[in-house]
Amino acid sequence: MNVKRLPLLLLLLLLPTLALLLSISPTRHRQHRVQHLDWPKDCGIPHFQPNTAERIISGNEARPHSWPWQVSLQVRPRGTKKYIHVCGGTLIHRNWVLTAAHCFQKGKAEDAASWRIVLGKHRLKRSEKPERVFGVQRIYRHERFRYPLLSELDYDIALVKANRDIPTSQQIRYACLPRRESALRPGHYCWVTGWGDTRGGKENVSLAESLNQARLPIIDFNTCRQKKFWGNRVRDSMICAGFRDTEGPPAACQGDSGGPLLCQLGRDRWEVHGVVSFGPIGCTVENKPSVFTRTSTYIPWIEATRFRDFFLH
């Protein structure tokens, strides 16, 4: 064999492999870009501005439709036709709602058909003109969520996929996701919204008639880890927010679960930095602030879940 021809021969042998690589790489690159560029550009800007000027501490009724990404996740119990509000959620994309994994812990998670997504709501129990209802196609709880098998509420995050695109309107908008691993400084004020129990009772939870909002300060992580607060139940992947005493009514309570902790960081856009996870039973216990799943920790999981859904279905 002529040695001079060897490199040419090797090149010819490698051509099919190179061609395959070239044909795959751009596609993968495009799909990777689709996942990142697909997030809504007009997120986090409500048409009706929320009333955040007042120094609200204990919570009050929100201005109608000023938190237009607020979702009511509702389920139809077996054998009934009526839907009931179970959890809040945040619209982050035309197909996706962010919420808490523990909302689906009672064996209902597998039956996506029994759930629905309700948007454009202010008064929970009344029919309203701007409201829109969407079916649920799939529910993705974080794979490492183990409550109640384990007593800790780690990985308390879930994504709910709508069965069709959710268009925006004046009353329905998308919230922004925070940047990966972005942190909130202690004392920074954020807002929690929901239809949760307004009385803070241990029994007979009574949902609010109208959407409520409360302004909460972020609590230093090391403070929240102290034994008199939540101790080692609080992880790096969680945010504590609220007040250290019980001067006012509860901020986040039963029925608010899965709803957003919304913050503005030097921009006009509202970002969903937290998902309501847990708090004290009865909601008003000294040194027991509300605890939220830290959204920024789970950005890789959110993107990977969307990526997986894109290819598997």
Protein backbone atom coordinates (compact mmCIF):
# COMPACT_ATOMS: atom_id res chain seq x y z
CA MET A 1 0.00 0.00 0.00
CA ASN A 2 1.21 3.50 -0.80
CA VAL A 3 1.87 5.22 2.56
CA LYS A 4 1.13 8.65 1.05
CA ARG A 5 -2.42 7.54 0.34
CA LEU A 6 -3.06 6.43 3.94
CA PRO A 7 -4.35 9.79 5.25
CA LEU A 8 -6.72 10.04 2.29
CA LEU A 9 -7.95 6.51 2.94
CA LEU A 10 -8.53 7.31 6.60
CA LEU A 11 -10.43 10.44 5.62
CA LEU A 12 -12.66 8.45 3.29
CA LEU A 13 -13.31 5.92 6.03
CA LEU A 14 -14.18 8.67 8.51
CA LEU A 15 -16.45 10.61 6.15
CA PRO A 16 -19.65 8.71 7.04
CA THR A 17 -18.99 9.28 10.77
CA LEU A 18 -18.26 12.97 10.22
CA ALA A 19 -21.36 13.33 8.12
CA LEU A 20 -23.44 11.72 10.88
CA LEU A 21 -21.95 13.99 13.51
CA LEU A 22 -22.56 17.06 11.38
CA SER A 23 -26.13 16.03 10.74
CA ILE A 24 -26.81 15.47 14.45
CA SER A 25 -25.01 18.40 16.05
CA PRO A 26 -27.00 21.28 14.54
CA THR A 27 -30.25 19.53 15.42
CA ARG A 28 -29.18 19.02 18.99
CA HIS A 29 -27.97 22.59 19.13
CA ARG A 30 -31.27 23.86 17.77
CA GLN A 31 -33.25 21.78 20.26
CA HIS A 32 -31.07 22.98 23.11
CA ARG A 33 -31.63 26.59 22.02
CA VAL A 34 -35.36 26.01 21.68
CA GLN A 35 -35.54 25.04 25.34
CA HIS A 36 -33.82 28.24 26.43
CA LEU A 37 -35.29 30.69 23.91
CA ASP A 38 -38.80 29.36 24.34
CA TRP A 39 -39.35 31.07 27.69
CA PRO A 40 -41.70 34.04 27.27
CA LYS A 41 -39.96 37.34 26.63
CA ASP A 42 -42.85 39.43 27.99
CA CYS A 43 -42.94 37.72 31.38
CA GLY A 44 -43.39 39.37 34.74
CA ILE A 45 -45.23 42.53 33.66
CA PRO A 46 -48.89 42.73 34.71
CA HIS A 47 -51.38 44.84 32.79
CA PHE A 48 -53.02 45.89 36.07
CA GLN A 49 -50.29 46.98 38.49
CA PRO A 50 -50.50 45.40 41.96
CA ASN A 51 -51.05 47.63 44.94
CA THR A 52 -47.60 47.38 46.52
CA ALA A 53 -47.29 50.97 47.71
CA GLU A 54 -48.93 50.41 51.07
CA ARG A 55 -46.88 48.90 53.87
CA ILE A 56 -49.01 45.80 54.11
CA ILE A 57 -47.78 43.29 56.66
CA SER A 58 -50.55 40.87 57.52
CA GLY A 59 -52.06 40.52 54.07
CA ASN A 60 -55.07 41.92 52.29
CA GLU A 61 -57.21 41.54 49.19
CA ALA A 62 -55.19 42.01 46.02
CA ARG A 63 -56.18 44.39 43.26
CA PRO A 64 -58.18 42.21 40.81
CA HIS A 65 -55.97 40.57 38.16
CA SER A 66 -52.81 42.35 39.32
CA TRP A 67 -51.08 38.98 39.79
CA PRO A 68 -52.13 37.57 36.39
CA TRP A 69 -49.93 34.43 36.60
CA GLN A 70 -51.74 33.17 39.69
CA VAL A 71 -53.24 29.74 39.07
CA SER A 72 -55.91 27.82 40.94
CA LEU A 73 -55.19 24.10 40.62
CA GLN A 74 -58.45 22.24 41.07
CA VAL A 75 -59.33 18.57 41.29
CA ARG A 76 -62.56 16.67 40.75
CA PRO A 77 -62.89 14.01 43.45
CA ARG A 78 -63.91 10.58 42.20
CA GLY A 79 -67.62 10.16 41.81
CA THR A 80 -68.33 13.89 41.74
CA LYS A 81 -68.71 16.54 39.06
CA LYS A 82 -67.61 19.51 41.14
CA TYR A 83 -64.02 20.78 41.15
CA ILE A 84 -62.39 22.01 44.36
CA HIS A 85 -59.38 24.29 44.81
CA VAL A 86 -56.40 22.34 46.18
CA CYS A 87 -53.32 24.44 45.51
CA GLY A 88 -52.02 27.59 43.95
CA GLY A 89 -49.55 27.67 41.09
CA THR A 90 -47.69 30.05 38.80
CA LEU A 91 -48.04 30.28 35.02
CA ILE A 92 -44.45 30.41 33.68
CA HIS A 93 -44.99 29.40 30.03
CA ARG A 94 -47.83 28.88 27.57
CA ASN A 95 -47.81 25.16 28.46
CA TRP A 96 -46.46 25.04 32.00
CA VAL A 97 -47.51 25.78 35.56
CA LEU A 98 -45.04 25.71 38.47
CA THR A 99 -46.35 24.36 41.79
CA ALA A 100 -45.50 22.15 44.80
CA ALA A 101 -45.05 18.38 44.65
CA HIS A 102 -47.01 17.84 47.88
CA CYS A 103 -50.17 19.05 46.13
CA PHE A 104 -50.33 15.62 44.48
CA GLN A 105 -49.40 13.37 47.40
CA LYS A 106 -52.79 11.74 47.88
CA GLY A 107 -52.61 9.38 44.93
CA LYS A 108 -54.20 11.83 42.49
CA ALA A 109 -50.98 12.68 40.67
CA GLU A 110 -51.28 9.82 38.20
CA ASP A 111 -54.76 10.84 37.12
CA ALA A 112 -54.02 14.10 35.31
CA ALA A 113 -57.49 13.99 33.75
CA SER A 114 -59.11 14.76 37.12
CA TRP A 115 -57.23 18.07 37.45
CA ARG A 116 -57.74 21.43 35.80
CA ILE A 117 -55.88 24.76 35.60
CA VAL A 118 -57.96 27.89 36.24
CA LEU A 119 -56.57 31.33 35.34
CA GLY A 120 -57.90 34.88 35.26
CA LYS A 121 -59.54 34.46 38.67
CA HIS A 122 -60.03 36.92 41.49
CA ARG A 123 -63.08 35.64 43.35
CA LEU A 124 -62.47 31.94 43.72
CA LYS A 125 -66.04 30.66 44.06
CA ARG A 126 -67.74 32.90 41.51
CA SER A 127 -67.83 32.57 37.75
CA GLU A 128 -65.92 35.50 36.25
CA LYS A 129 -65.79 36.75 32.68
CA PRO A 130 -61.95 36.80 32.31
CA GLU A 131 -61.44 33.30 33.72
CA ARG A 132 -60.14 30.52 31.51
CA VAL A 133 -60.05 26.80 32.24
CA PHE A 134 -57.51 24.35 30.84
CA GLY A 135 -57.18 20.62 31.18
CA VAL A 136 -54.04 18.94 32.47
CA GLN A 137 -52.02 16.73 30.18
CA ARG A 138 -49.25 15.61 32.53
CA ILE A 139 -47.98 16.18 36.06
CA TYR A 140 -44.28 15.96 36.87
CA ARG A 141 -43.36 15.77 40.55
CA HIS A 142 -39.67 15.95 41.39
CA GLU A 143 -38.34 12.40 41.28
CA ARG A 144 -36.69 12.73 44.71
CA PHE A 145 -39.77 14.00 46.54
CA ARG A 146 -40.53 11.38 49.21
CA TYR A 147 -43.01 12.99 51.60
CA PRO A 148 -44.90 11.52 53.48
CA LEU A 149 -42.67 8.38 53.37
CA LEU A 150 -39.96 10.70 54.69
CA SER A 151 -41.05 13.44 57.07
CA GLU A 152 -39.05 16.16 55.32
CA LEU A 153 -40.46 18.23 52.46
CA ASP A 154 -37.31 18.20 50.32
CA TYR A 155 -37.67 18.59 46.54
CA ASP A 156 -41.16 20.02 46.96
CA ILE A 157 -41.59 21.17 43.37
CA ALA A 158 -43.72 20.07 40.43
CA LEU A 159 -44.56 21.07 36.87
CA VAL A 160 -48.05 20.77 35.43
CA LYS A 161 -48.43 20.69 31.66
CA ALA A 162 -51.63 22.07 30.15
CA ASN A 163 -53.35 20.07 27.43
CA ARG A 164 -53.25 23.07 25.08
CA ASP A 165 -51.48 26.42 24.77
CA ILE A 166 -52.48 29.07 27.30
CA PRO A 167 -52.68 32.46 25.54
CA THR A 168 -52.13 35.70 27.41
CA SER A 169 -54.70 38.43 27.97
CA GLN A 170 -54.97 41.49 30.20
CA GLN A 171 -55.87 39.14 33.06
CA ILE A 172 -53.53 36.23 32.20
CA ARG A 173 -49.76 36.66 31.96
CA TYR A 174 -46.59 34.65 32.57
CA ALA A 175 -44.27 35.21 35.55
CA CYS A 176 -40.50 35.18 34.99
CA LEU A 177 -38.21 32.48 36.33
CA PRO A 178 -35.22 33.77 38.31
CA ARG A 179 -31.69 33.29 37.08
CA ARG A 180 -30.09 30.02 38.07
CA GLU A 181 -28.83 30.09 41.67
CA SER A 182 -29.77 33.76 42.11
CA ALA A 183 -29.99 34.66 45.80
CA LEU A 184 -32.21 36.99 47.80
CA ARG A 185 -30.63 39.10 50.53
CA PRO A 186 -32.18 38.98 54.01
CA GLY A 187 -34.68 41.77 54.55
CA HIS A 188 -35.61 42.00 50.86
CA TYR A 189 -39.39 42.24 50.57
CA CYS A 190 -41.30 39.83 48.35
CA TRP A 191 -45.00 39.06 47.95
CA VAL A 192 -46.98 35.87 48.46
CA THR A 193 -50.40 35.48 46.87
CA GLY A 194 -53.18 32.93 47.18
CA TRP A 195 -56.69 31.98 48.28
CA GLY A 196 -55.43 30.20 51.38
CA ASP A 197 -57.14 30.00 54.76
CA THR A 198 -57.55 33.51 56.13
CA ARG A 199 -58.36 32.52 59.71
CA GLY A 200 -55.35 30.38 60.57
CA GLY A 201 -57.43 27.72 62.31
CA LYS A 202 -56.11 24.20 62.79
CA GLU A 203 -59.35 22.65 61.56
CA ASN A 204 -62.06 23.51 59.04
CA VAL A 205 -59.86 25.35 56.57
CA SER A 206 -61.79 28.24 55.05
CA LEU A 207 -60.52 29.47 51.70
CA ALA A 208 -60.50 33.18 50.99
CA GLU A 209 -63.24 34.50 48.73
CA SER A 210 -60.82 36.82 46.89
CA LEU A 211 -57.15 36.56 46.01
CA ASN A 212 -55.03 37.84 48.87
CA GLN A 213 -51.52 39.22 48.92
CA ALA A 214 -48.97 39.72 51.68
CA ARG A 215 -45.62 41.47 51.80
CA LEU A 216 -42.95 39.33 53.46
CA PRO A 217 -39.29 39.98 54.30
CA ILE A 218 -36.72 37.32 53.43
CA ILE A 219 -35.28 35.79 56.59
CA ASP A 220 -31.57 35.03 56.87
CA PHE A 221 -30.96 31.32 56.19
CA ASN A 222 -28.81 30.84 59.31
CA THR A 223 -31.51 32.45 61.44
CA CYS A 224 -34.16 30.13 59.99
CA ARG A 225 -31.89 27.14 60.72
CA GLN A 226 -31.86 27.92 64.44
CA LYS A 227 -33.63 25.40 66.64
CA LYS A 228 -36.29 27.86 67.77
CA PHE A 229 -37.19 28.44 64.13
CA TRP A 230 -37.22 25.43 61.77
CA GLY A 231 -33.84 23.87 62.62
CA ASN A 232 -32.52 21.26 60.20
CA ARG A 233 -35.87 20.97 58.41
CA VAL A 234 -34.73 23.95 56.34
CA ARG A 235 -32.33 23.18 53.49
CA ASP A 236 -30.21 25.33 51.18
CA SER A 237 -32.86 24.70 48.53
CA MET A 238 -35.49 26.55 50.59
CA ILE A 239 -36.31 30.18 51.41
CA CYS A 240 -37.77 31.42 54.69
CA ALA A 241 -39.90 34.54 54.55
CA GLY A 242 -42.20 36.25 57.01
CA PHE A 243 -42.13 37.65 60.51
CA ARG A 244 -40.61 36.23 63.63
CA ASP A 245 -43.59 36.90 65.88
CA THR A 246 -47.36 36.50 65.60
CA GLU A 247 -48.47 40.12 65.56
CA GLY A 248 -50.72 39.70 62.55
CA PRO A 249 -52.74 37.05 60.73
CA PRO A 250 -50.87 34.33 58.81
CA ALA A 251 -49.24 35.20 55.51
CA ALA A 252 -49.02 31.83 53.80
CA CYS A 253 -51.49 29.21 54.96
CA GLN A 254 -53.34 26.04 53.97
CA GLY A 255 -54.67 26.47 50.44
CA ASP A 256 -51.78 28.74 49.43
CA SER A 257 -49.53 25.70 48.84
CA GLY A 258 -47.84 25.65 45.46
CA GLY A 259 -48.42 29.37 44.97
CA PRO A 260 -45.70 31.91 44.23
CA LEU A 261 -43.29 34.00 46.26
CA LEU A 262 -42.81 36.93 43.88
CA CYS A 263 -39.85 39.29 43.98
CA GLN A 264 -38.44 42.16 41.94
CA LEU A 265 -34.64 42.34 41.79
CA GLY A 266 -33.67 45.70 40.34
CA ARG A 267 -36.02 45.21 37.40
CA ASP A 268 -39.68 45.93 36.84
CA ARG A 269 -40.36 42.26 36.12
CA TRP A 270 -41.81 39.94 38.74
CA GLU A 271 -39.91 36.69 39.23
CA VAL A 272 -41.22 33.60 41.02
CA HIS A 273 -38.40 33.00 43.51
CA GLY A 274 -40.31 30.57 45.69
CA VAL A 275 -43.08 27.99 45.78
CA VAL A 276 -45.18 27.83 48.98
CA SER A 277 -44.09 24.60 50.65
CA PHE A 278 -44.80 24.44 54.39
CA GLY A 279 -45.45 26.38 57.57
CA PRO A 280 -46.86 25.69 61.03
CA ILE A 281 -50.20 23.93 61.42
CA GLY A 282 -52.65 26.71 62.14
CA CYS A 283 -50.28 29.18 60.45
CA THR A 284 -49.70 31.40 63.50
CA VAL A 285 -46.90 29.98 65.60
CA GLU A 286 -44.14 32.14 67.02
CA ASN A 287 -40.78 31.84 65.20
CA LYS A 288 -42.24 29.65 62.47
CA PRO A 289 -42.15 31.67 59.22
CA SER A 290 -43.39 30.37 55.87
CA VAL A 291 -40.97 28.13 53.98
CA PHE A 292 -40.74 28.14 50.19
CA THR A 293 -39.00 25.88 47.69
CA ARG A 294 -36.19 27.99 46.18
CA THR A 295 -37.03 28.13 42.47
CA SER A 296 -33.53 29.16 41.34
CA THR A 297 -32.08 25.91 42.74
CA TYR A 298 -34.37 23.90 40.46
CA ILE A 299 -33.90 25.73 37.15
CA PRO A 300 -31.85 22.77 35.79
CA TRP A 301 -34.63 20.37 36.83
CA ILE A 302 -37.32 22.57 35.26
CA GLU A 303 -35.43 22.72 31.96
CA ALA A 304 -34.56 19.00 32.03
CA THR A 305 -38.22 18.12 32.67
CA ARG A 306 -39.37 20.22 29.73
CA PHE A 307 -36.62 18.70 27.60
CA ARG A 308 -37.67 15.17 28.59
CA ASP A 309 -41.32 15.92 27.90
CA PHE A 310 -40.38 17.35 24.48
CA PHE A 311 -38.69 14.11 23.42
CA LEU A 312 -40.85 11.51 25.14
CA HIS A 313 -44.24 12.80 24.03
